[in-house]
Amino acid sequence: MNIKKLIGDKGERKVARMYAAKGYKIIARNFSCKYGELDIVAQKGKQVVVIEVKTRKNDSFAQAREYVDYRKQNRIRNTADLFLQQHKLTDCAIRFDVAEVYTENNIVNVIEAAF
């Protein structure tokens, strides 16, 4: 496994723990299909939250959220639609969050309802 994948996995684990501590049930990690991949899918009651995690050393070049552009958002939406159908969650409200993890200073920023 390459170093970027290891760093990304560490960021995803950290974010999953944060959501779990807030009472969310993590129902999937790294769900993938022909449309793309969902980093984390969490649920609390009738709300499903799809969390795109971007882990970077720092934000000196650009903020991590800037890497979730319009095309990436569309891939995530399409993948989420398939996930919800497969898991019979179509009656749930859905929210898309972006979590920025910066390893240099151990900061996590969560942007709720980012798109």
C-alpha atoms as a PDB file:
ATOM      1  CA  MET A   1       0.000   0.000   0.000  1.00  0.00           C
ATOM      2  CA  ASN A   2       1.407   3.392  -0.902  1.00  0.00           C
ATOM      3  CA  ILE A   3       1.989   6.224   1.552  1.00  0.00           C
ATOM      4  CA  LYS A   4      -0.797   8.448   0.134  1.00  0.00           C
ATOM      5  CA  LYS A   5      -3.340   5.657   0.660  1.00  0.00           C
ATOM      6  CA  LEU A   6      -2.115   5.101   4.226  1.00  0.00           C
ATOM      7  CA  ILE A   7      -2.390   8.816   5.034  1.00  0.00           C
ATOM      8  CA  GLY A   8      -5.857   8.992   3.465  1.00  0.00           C
ATOM      9  CA  ASP A   9      -7.025   5.947   5.433  1.00  0.00           C
ATOM     10  CA  LYS A  10      -5.775   7.509   8.661  1.00  0.00           C
ATOM     11  CA  GLY A  11      -7.739  10.699   7.917  1.00  0.00           C
ATOM     12  CA  GLU A  12     -10.879   8.707   7.126  1.00  0.00           C
ATOM     13  CA  ARG A  13     -10.599   6.723  10.376  1.00  0.00           C
ATOM     14  CA  LYS A  14     -10.249   9.957  12.335  1.00  0.00           C
ATOM     15  CA  VAL A  15     -13.321  11.498  10.700  1.00  0.00           C
ATOM     16  CA  ALA A  16     -15.359   8.288  11.160  1.00  0.00           C
ATOM     17  CA  ARG A  17     -14.528   8.340  14.884  1.00  0.00           C
ATOM     18  CA  MET A  18     -15.638  11.994  15.103  1.00  0.00           C
ATOM     19  CA  TYR A  19     -19.013  11.229  13.528  1.00  0.00           C
ATOM     20  CA  ALA A  20     -19.471   8.123  15.695  1.00  0.00           C
ATOM     21  CA  ALA A  21     -18.775  10.247  18.790  1.00  0.00           C
ATOM     22  CA  LYS A  22     -21.610  12.566  17.672  1.00  0.00           C
ATOM     23  CA  GLY A  23     -24.038   9.648  17.607  1.00  0.00           C
ATOM     24  CA  TYR A  24     -23.834   8.698  13.933  1.00  0.00           C
ATOM     25  CA  LYS A  25     -23.688   5.061  12.921  1.00  0.00           C
ATOM     26  CA  ILE A  26     -21.031   4.427  10.279  1.00  0.00           C
ATOM     27  CA  ILE A  27     -22.831   2.252   7.751  1.00  0.00           C
ATOM     28  CA  ALA A  28     -20.141   2.114   5.043  1.00  0.00           C
ATOM     29  CA  ARG A  29     -16.544   3.020   4.356  1.00  0.00           C
ATOM     30  CA  ASN A  30     -14.974   3.093   0.917  1.00  0.00           C
ATOM     31  CA  PHE A  31     -18.093   2.004  -0.942  1.00  0.00           C
ATOM     32  CA  SER A  32     -17.262   1.866  -4.638  1.00  0.00           C
ATOM     33  CA  CYS A  33     -19.149   1.198  -7.832  1.00  0.00           C
ATOM     34  CA  LYS A  34     -18.928   2.130 -11.494  1.00  0.00           C
ATOM     35  CA  TYR A  35     -19.705   5.792 -10.687  1.00  0.00           C
ATOM     36  CA  GLY A  36     -17.060   6.366  -8.032  1.00  0.00           C
ATOM     37  CA  GLU A  37     -16.337   5.912  -4.351  1.00  0.00           C
ATOM     38  CA  LEU A  38     -17.865   7.143  -1.107  1.00  0.00           C
ATOM     39  CA  ASP A  39     -15.329   7.606   1.680  1.00  0.00           C
ATOM     40  CA  ILE A  40     -17.774   7.398   4.597  1.00  0.00           C
ATOM     41  CA  VAL A  41     -21.524   6.945   4.829  1.00  0.00           C
ATOM     42  CA  ALA A  42     -23.061   7.638   8.233  1.00  0.00           C
ATOM     43  CA  GLN A  43     -26.622   7.605   9.507  1.00  0.00           C
ATOM     44  CA  LYS A  44     -28.426   9.212  12.402  1.00  0.00           C
ATOM     45  CA  GLY A  45     -32.136   8.567  12.486  1.00  0.00           C
ATOM     46  CA  LYS A  46     -33.605   9.227   9.050  1.00  0.00           C
ATOM     47  CA  GLN A  47     -30.633  11.284   7.866  1.00  0.00           C
ATOM     48  CA  VAL A  48     -27.827   9.774   5.815  1.00  0.00           C
ATOM     49  CA  VAL A  49     -24.594  11.737   5.569  1.00  0.00           C
ATOM     50  CA  VAL A  50     -22.069  11.094   2.815  1.00  0.00           C
ATOM     51  CA  ILE A  51     -18.662  12.388   3.895  1.00  0.00           C
ATOM     52  CA  GLU A  52     -15.891  13.099   1.408  1.00  0.00           C
ATOM     53  CA  VAL A  53     -12.596  13.156   3.288  1.00  0.00           C
ATOM     54  CA  LYS A  54      -9.599  15.081   1.954  1.00  0.00           C
ATOM     55  CA  THR A  55      -6.379  14.586   3.867  1.00  0.00           C
ATOM     56  CA  ARG A  56      -3.451  16.913   3.223  1.00  0.00           C
ATOM     57  CA  LYS A  57      -0.266  17.882   5.006  1.00  0.00           C
ATOM     58  CA  ASN A  58      -1.322  21.535   5.179  1.00  0.00           C
ATOM     59  CA  ASP A  59      -3.271  24.144   3.236  1.00  0.00           C
ATOM     60  CA  SER A  60      -0.290  26.136   1.949  1.00  0.00           C
ATOM     61  CA  PHE A  61      -1.089  25.246  -1.676  1.00  0.00           C
ATOM     62  CA  ALA A  62      -4.895  25.087  -1.484  1.00  0.00           C
ATOM     63  CA  GLN A  63      -7.591  24.165   0.982  1.00  0.00           C
ATOM     64  CA  ALA A  64      -8.519  20.499   0.821  1.00  0.00           C
ATOM     65  CA  ARG A  65     -12.173  21.308   0.050  1.00  0.00           C
ATOM     66  CA  GLU A  66     -11.092  22.902  -3.225  1.00  0.00           C
ATOM     67  CA  TYR A  67     -10.372  19.407  -4.560  1.00  0.00           C
ATOM     68  CA  VAL A  68     -14.079  18.548  -4.385  1.00  0.00           C
ATOM     69  CA  ASP A  69     -15.009  20.278  -7.620  1.00  0.00           C
ATOM     70  CA  TYR A  70     -18.265  20.109  -9.564  1.00  0.00           C
ATOM     71  CA  ARG A  71     -17.309  16.895 -11.406  1.00  0.00           C
ATOM     72  CA  LYS A  72     -16.291  15.187  -8.155  1.00  0.00           C
ATOM     73  CA  GLN A  73     -19.567  16.297  -6.556  1.00  0.00           C
ATOM     74  CA  ASN A  74     -21.549  14.762  -9.427  1.00  0.00           C
ATOM     75  CA  ARG A  75     -19.665  11.461  -9.105  1.00  0.00           C
ATOM     76  CA  ILE A  76     -20.363  11.422  -5.375  1.00  0.00           C
ATOM     77  CA  ARG A  77     -24.076  12.169  -5.935  1.00  0.00           C
ATOM     78  CA  ASN A  78     -24.420   9.388  -8.520  1.00  0.00           C
ATOM     79  CA  THR A  79     -22.592   6.925  -6.292  1.00  0.00           C
ATOM     80  CA  ALA A  80     -24.737   7.948  -3.314  1.00  0.00           C
ATOM     81  CA  ASP A  81     -27.932   7.408  -5.322  1.00  0.00           C
ATOM     82  CA  LEU A  82     -26.863   3.851  -6.113  1.00  0.00           C
ATOM     83  CA  PHE A  83     -25.791   3.225  -2.509  1.00  0.00           C
ATOM     84  CA  LEU A  84     -29.146   4.428  -1.164  1.00  0.00           C
ATOM     85  CA  GLN A  85     -31.047   2.213  -3.606  1.00  0.00           C
ATOM     86  CA  GLN A  86     -28.943  -0.864  -2.843  1.00  0.00           C
ATOM     87  CA  HIS A  87     -29.320  -0.380   0.912  1.00  0.00           C
ATOM     88  CA  LYS A  88     -33.036   0.518   0.744  1.00  0.00           C
ATOM     89  CA  LEU A  89     -32.476   3.982   2.248  1.00  0.00           C
ATOM     90  CA  THR A  90     -34.387   5.974  -0.360  1.00  0.00           C
ATOM     91  CA  ASP A  91     -36.791   7.325   2.281  1.00  0.00           C
ATOM     92  CA  CYS A  92     -33.946   9.058   4.151  1.00  0.00           C
ATOM     93  CA  ALA A  93     -32.797  12.657   3.849  1.00  0.00           C
ATOM     94  CA  ILE A  94     -29.273  12.933   2.482  1.00  0.00           C
ATOM     95  CA  ARG A  95     -26.548  15.441   3.251  1.00  0.00           C
ATOM     96  CA  PHE A  96     -23.103  15.772   1.681  1.00  0.00           C
ATOM     97  CA  ASP A  97     -20.266  16.870   3.966  1.00  0.00           C
ATOM     98  CA  VAL A  98     -16.604  17.500   3.209  1.00  0.00           C
ATOM     99  CA  ALA A  99     -14.034  16.855   5.918  1.00  0.00           C
ATOM    100  CA  GLU A 100     -10.594  18.437   5.605  1.00  0.00           C
ATOM    101  CA  VAL A 101      -7.864  16.687   7.581  1.00  0.00           C
ATOM    102  CA  TYR A 102      -4.530  18.483   7.921  1.00  0.00           C
ATOM    103  CA  THR A 103      -1.836  16.198   9.291  1.00  0.00           C
ATOM    104  CA  GLU A 104       0.813  18.847   9.955  1.00  0.00           C
ATOM    105  CA  ASN A 105      -1.189  20.555  12.700  1.00  0.00           C
ATOM    106  CA  ASN A 106      -3.743  17.785  13.432  1.00  0.00           C
ATOM    107  CA  ILE A 107      -6.755  19.915  12.443  1.00  0.00           C
ATOM    108  CA  VAL A 108     -10.041  18.578  11.090  1.00  0.00           C
ATOM    109  CA  ASN A 109     -12.549  20.959   9.502  1.00  0.00           C
ATOM    110  CA  VAL A 110     -15.979  19.576   8.660  1.00  0.00           C
ATOM    111  CA  ILE A 111     -18.099  21.494   6.196  1.00  0.00           C
ATOM    112  CA  GLU A 112     -21.658  20.269   6.700  1.00  0.00           C
ATOM    113  CA  ALA A 113     -23.982  20.382   3.678  1.00  0.00           C
ATOM    114  CA  ALA A 114     -20.988  21.363   1.538  1.00  0.00           C
ATOM    115  CA  PHE A 115     -22.890  20.691  -1.673  1.00  0.00           C
END
